[in-house]
Amino acid sequence: MAKAVAVQPREFRAEAKFQRTSPQKARLVLDLIKGLRVEAAINAIHFSTKRMAPVIEKVLRSAIQNASYVSDEQGLDVDVDNLYVRTAIANEGPRMKRIRPAPMGRAFRYQRRMTHIIVTVAEKGKIAEVTSSTGTSSATANKPAAKKTAVKKIAAKRPASKKAVKA
């Protein structure tokens, strides 16, 4: 008896560290591409007007190249056209502390933020046929597990609050 089992998809990632922008600005572009197919993600980034879009496009293309390279090296069957953006993260990097001159001989401190961008691509989940050595019938093997119904708790009755009447 053959049983369908979802195979854990292989992930491929690329990083760009110490990028000179705040993580918040990078997340604006990364949120556009999360969960999209690779081709649609590249098109979305390409037509974005944000300053970080070219950097993120470069990281995404690097992740795709990592997928094709690793699949060739390890003999995996990875279809590059079937990849999608699994995760796209902008973590905070170190901050550069700077000083700006202020009136009357004083100085104000400010921080230049940096970000680490991580893009992970994966192939859509494949379904593999696995033969079952146990002699289970197909009727019992294909049945979904029964759901347990939740028991509703009876709300404790609270006494009605007395409203003060103003005279």
Protein backbone atom coordinates (compact mmCIF):
# COMPACT_ATOMS: atom_id res chain seq x y z
CA MET A 1 0.00 0.00 0.00
CA ALA A 2 1.46 3.35 -1.02
CA LYS A 3 1.09 6.23 1.40
CA ALA A 4 1.58 9.91 0.51
CA VAL A 5 4.02 11.69 2.80
CA ALA A 6 5.12 15.32 2.54
CA VAL A 7 8.88 15.59 2.22
CA GLN A 8 10.61 18.32 4.23
CA PRO A 9 11.69 20.93 1.66
CA ARG A 10 15.35 21.89 1.52
CA GLU A 11 16.10 25.55 2.30
CA PHE A 12 18.75 27.71 0.67
CA ARG A 13 19.78 31.06 2.11
CA ALA A 14 21.86 34.13 1.44
CA GLU A 15 22.93 36.94 3.74
CA ALA A 16 24.03 40.53 3.34
CA LYS A 17 25.58 41.86 6.51
CA PHE A 18 26.39 45.39 7.66
CA GLN A 19 24.11 47.18 5.20
CA ARG A 20 23.93 50.92 5.87
CA THR A 21 20.22 51.33 6.50
CA SER A 22 17.86 50.81 9.39
CA PRO A 23 16.17 47.41 9.71
CA GLN A 24 12.77 49.11 9.61
CA LYS A 25 13.40 50.47 6.11
CA ALA A 26 14.69 47.11 4.89
CA ARG A 27 11.63 45.32 6.31
CA LEU A 28 9.36 47.49 4.15
CA VAL A 29 10.82 45.85 1.04
CA LEU A 30 11.17 42.37 2.57
CA ASP A 31 7.49 42.30 3.51
CA LEU A 32 6.64 42.69 -0.19
CA ILE A 33 8.32 39.42 -1.16
CA LYS A 34 7.58 37.03 1.73
CA GLY A 35 5.79 33.93 0.49
CA LEU A 36 5.98 34.89 -3.19
CA ARG A 37 7.41 32.72 -5.94
CA VAL A 38 10.95 33.73 -6.84
CA GLU A 39 10.04 35.18 -10.23
CA ALA A 40 7.21 37.29 -8.79
CA ALA A 41 9.47 38.44 -5.93
CA ILE A 42 12.17 39.63 -8.33
CA ASN A 43 9.58 41.55 -10.35
CA ALA A 44 8.15 43.15 -7.19
CA ILE A 45 11.58 44.24 -5.99
CA HIS A 46 12.68 45.41 -9.43
CA PHE A 47 9.81 47.89 -9.66
CA SER A 48 10.05 49.08 -6.05
CA THR A 49 11.21 52.66 -5.51
CA LYS A 50 12.86 51.99 -2.15
CA ARG A 51 16.60 52.52 -1.87
CA MET A 52 17.17 49.05 -0.38
CA ALA A 53 15.41 47.24 -3.25
CA PRO A 54 18.57 46.64 -5.37
CA VAL A 55 20.45 45.26 -2.36
CA ILE A 56 17.61 42.89 -1.48
CA GLU A 57 17.29 41.83 -5.12
CA LYS A 58 20.99 40.95 -5.08
CA VAL A 59 20.54 38.85 -1.92
CA LEU A 60 17.52 37.07 -3.42
CA ARG A 61 19.42 36.27 -6.63
CA SER A 62 22.30 34.97 -4.50
CA ALA A 63 19.93 32.63 -2.63
CA ILE A 64 18.63 31.31 -5.96
CA GLN A 65 22.19 30.72 -7.18
CA ASN A 66 22.99 28.95 -3.90
CA ALA A 67 20.04 26.64 -4.53
CA SER A 68 21.16 25.75 -8.04
CA TYR A 69 24.81 25.30 -6.97
CA VAL A 70 24.03 23.09 -3.97
CA SER A 71 21.58 21.01 -6.00
CA ASP A 72 24.28 20.39 -8.63
CA GLU A 73 26.96 19.59 -6.05
CA GLN A 74 24.84 17.24 -3.92
CA GLY A 75 22.87 15.72 -6.77
CA LEU A 76 19.53 17.03 -5.50
CA ASP A 77 16.56 17.46 -7.79
CA VAL A 78 15.72 21.13 -7.17
CA ASP A 79 13.55 22.97 -9.68
CA VAL A 80 14.62 26.62 -9.59
CA ASP A 81 11.32 27.69 -11.17
CA ASN A 82 9.44 26.08 -8.27
CA LEU A 83 11.25 28.05 -5.52
CA TYR A 84 9.51 30.57 -3.27
CA VAL A 85 10.69 33.03 -0.64
CA ARG A 86 10.26 31.19 2.65
CA THR A 87 11.69 33.80 5.01
CA ALA A 88 12.98 37.33 4.55
CA ILE A 89 14.42 38.89 7.69
CA ALA A 90 16.17 42.16 8.51
CA ASN A 91 18.00 41.90 11.84
CA GLU A 92 19.64 44.80 13.58
CA GLY A 93 23.40 45.05 13.22
CA PRO A 94 25.85 47.17 15.19
CA ARG A 95 25.22 50.88 15.53
CA MET A 96 27.75 53.55 14.72
CA LYS A 97 27.78 56.28 17.34
CA ARG A 98 28.30 59.75 15.90
CA ILE A 99 28.40 63.28 17.29
CA ARG A 100 26.73 66.33 15.74
CA PRO A 101 27.74 69.86 16.79
CA ALA A 102 25.08 71.73 18.73
CA PRO A 103 24.70 75.37 19.74
CA MET A 104 26.84 76.99 22.42
CA GLY A 105 29.71 74.49 22.18
CA ARG A 106 27.64 71.44 22.98
CA ALA A 107 27.34 68.18 21.04
CA PHE A 108 24.43 65.85 20.33
CA ARG A 109 24.94 62.12 19.91
CA TYR A 110 23.11 60.14 17.25
CA GLN A 111 23.33 56.59 15.94
CA ARG A 112 23.71 55.29 12.42
CA ARG A 113 21.95 51.95 12.21
CA MET A 114 23.06 48.90 10.21
CA THR A 115 21.13 45.80 9.27
CA HIS A 116 21.77 42.15 8.44
CA ILE A 117 19.49 40.88 5.68
CA ILE A 118 18.72 37.14 5.45
CA VAL A 119 16.66 35.67 2.61
CA THR A 120 15.73 31.98 2.57
CA VAL A 121 14.20 30.23 -0.43
CA ALA A 122 12.70 26.75 -0.50
CA GLU A 123 10.97 24.49 -2.96
CA LYS A 124 7.22 24.01 -2.68
CA GLY A 125 6.44 20.87 -0.65
CA LYS A 126 6.75 17.69 -2.64
CA ILE A 127 4.59 14.64 -2.00
CA ALA A 128 6.45 11.35 -2.08
CA GLU A 129 4.96 7.86 -2.28
CA VAL A 130 6.07 5.64 0.59
CA THR A 131 5.13 1.98 0.70
CA SER A 132 3.65 0.76 3.95
CA SER A 133 4.87 -2.61 5.27
CA THR A 134 1.94 -2.95 7.67
CA GLY A 135 -1.20 -4.58 6.32
CA THR A 136 -3.61 -1.71 7.02
CA SER A 137 -6.57 -1.37 4.78
CA SER A 138 -6.87 1.69 2.58
CA ALA A 139 -10.08 2.73 4.35
CA THR A 140 -8.36 3.09 7.72
CA ALA A 141 -5.17 4.59 6.29
CA ASN A 142 -6.95 7.43 4.50
CA LYS A 143 -9.26 8.45 7.35
CA PRO A 144 -8.38 11.73 9.02
CA ALA A 145 -7.90 11.70 12.77
CA ALA A 146 -11.08 12.41 14.70
CA LYS A 147 -11.25 15.86 16.22
CA LYS A 148 -12.01 16.17 19.89
CA THR A 149 -14.71 18.65 20.71
CA ALA A 150 -13.90 21.27 23.27
CA VAL A 151 -15.97 21.26 26.42
CA LYS A 152 -17.52 24.65 27.05
CA LYS A 153 -17.13 25.96 30.54
CA ILE A 154 -20.19 27.38 32.15
CA ALA A 155 -19.57 30.95 33.10
CA ALA A 156 -19.96 31.59 36.80
CA LYS A 157 -22.84 33.88 37.49
CA ARG A 158 -21.77 37.15 38.99
CA PRO A 159 -24.11 39.24 41.05
CA ALA A 160 -25.26 42.35 39.24
CA SER A 161 -23.38 45.43 40.35
CA LYS A 162 -25.42 48.01 42.16
CA LYS A 163 -25.37 51.42 40.63
CA ALA A 164 -25.26 54.34 42.99
CA VAL A 165 -28.14 56.66 42.43
CA LYS A 166 -27.26 60.29 42.72
CA ALA A 167 -29.89 62.33 44.51
